[in-house]
Amino acid sequence: MYRSLAVVLLLGALAPLASAASLAEEALEELLAAEWERTLAETPTWASSLGDPRYNDRWPDLSMEAIEASHAADRE
């Protein structure tokens, strides 16, 4: 009986941690997805080589402004 009670209490104590971990995992997945999309948009020829046709009408922007904007986004 005491063992069952201990298991129930332990699971109850761990439930908020599992919820927080789930939220953190979702946030990480969203961040990685956004970064992937930014990478594809910034390197359209690579996106095309991967089979993503959304950027087939573009060339990479190799201007200093674009490079600085990319580095700023990386730091952000």
Protein backbone atom coordinates (compact mmCIF):
# COMPACT_ATOMS: atom_id res chain seq x y z
CA MET A 1 0.00 0.00 0.00
CA TYR A 2 2.75 2.45 0.96
CA ARG A 3 4.61 1.60 -2.20
CA SER A 4 1.57 2.39 -4.35
CA LEU A 5 1.10 5.67 -2.52
CA ALA A 6 4.77 6.55 -3.07
CA VAL A 7 4.45 5.85 -6.79
CA VAL A 8 1.33 8.00 -7.06
CA LEU A 9 3.01 10.85 -5.19
CA LEU A 10 6.13 10.57 -7.32
CA LEU A 11 4.15 10.64 -10.54
CA GLY A 12 2.18 13.62 -9.30
CA ALA A 13 5.40 15.46 -8.51
CA LEU A 14 6.89 14.66 -11.92
CA ALA A 15 3.86 15.73 -13.95
CA PRO A 16 4.74 19.47 -13.98
CA LEU A 17 8.30 18.61 -15.06
CA ALA A 18 6.99 16.57 -17.98
CA SER A 19 4.74 19.45 -18.99
CA ALA A 20 7.63 21.93 -18.83
CA ALA A 21 9.82 19.57 -20.86
CA SER A 22 7.08 19.26 -23.45
CA LEU A 23 6.81 23.05 -23.74
CA ALA A 24 10.58 23.35 -24.06
CA GLU A 25 10.60 20.66 -26.73
CA GLU A 26 7.87 22.46 -28.69
CA ALA A 27 9.76 25.75 -28.45
CA LEU A 28 12.94 24.08 -29.69
CA GLU A 29 11.09 22.45 -32.59
CA GLU A 30 9.61 25.83 -33.57
CA LEU A 31 13.03 27.48 -33.41
CA LEU A 32 14.65 24.77 -35.53
CA ALA A 33 11.83 24.92 -38.09
CA ALA A 34 12.13 28.71 -38.36
CA GLU A 35 15.90 28.48 -38.77
CA TRP A 36 15.51 25.80 -41.43
CA GLU A 37 13.10 27.99 -43.38
CA ARG A 38 15.45 30.97 -43.07
CA THR A 39 18.35 28.87 -44.32
CA LEU A 40 16.36 27.72 -47.34
CA ALA A 41 15.27 31.28 -48.13
CA GLU A 42 18.84 32.60 -47.82
CA THR A 43 20.32 29.81 -49.96
CA PRO A 44 17.74 29.24 -52.69
CA THR A 45 20.04 27.19 -54.92
CA TRP A 46 20.66 24.75 -52.06
CA ALA A 47 16.92 24.60 -51.36
CA SER A 48 16.35 23.75 -55.02
CA SER A 49 19.01 21.05 -54.88
CA LEU A 50 17.18 19.56 -51.90
CA GLY A 51 14.01 19.40 -53.97
CA ASP A 52 12.26 22.44 -52.51
CA PRO A 53 10.97 24.40 -55.53
CA ARG A 54 9.73 27.46 -53.60
CA TYR A 55 12.91 29.41 -54.28
CA ASN A 56 13.64 28.26 -57.83
CA ASP A 57 13.18 31.81 -59.13
CA ARG A 58 15.93 33.30 -56.93
CA TRP A 59 19.69 33.50 -56.61
CA PRO A 60 21.46 33.83 -53.26
CA ASP A 61 21.89 37.43 -52.13
CA LEU A 62 25.63 37.78 -51.56
CA SER A 63 25.56 41.49 -50.84
CA MET A 64 27.24 42.80 -47.70
CA GLU A 65 23.83 43.89 -46.36
CA ALA A 66 22.40 40.39 -46.76
CA ILE A 67 25.44 38.82 -45.10
CA GLU A 68 25.21 41.23 -42.17
CA ALA A 69 21.45 40.59 -41.87
CA SER A 70 22.09 36.85 -41.82
CA HIS A 71 24.73 37.22 -39.10
CA ALA A 72 22.36 39.43 -37.10
CA ALA A 73 19.65 36.77 -37.38
CA ASP A 74 22.17 34.13 -36.26
CA ARG A 75 23.04 36.17 -33.18
CA GLU A 76 19.36 36.78 -32.41
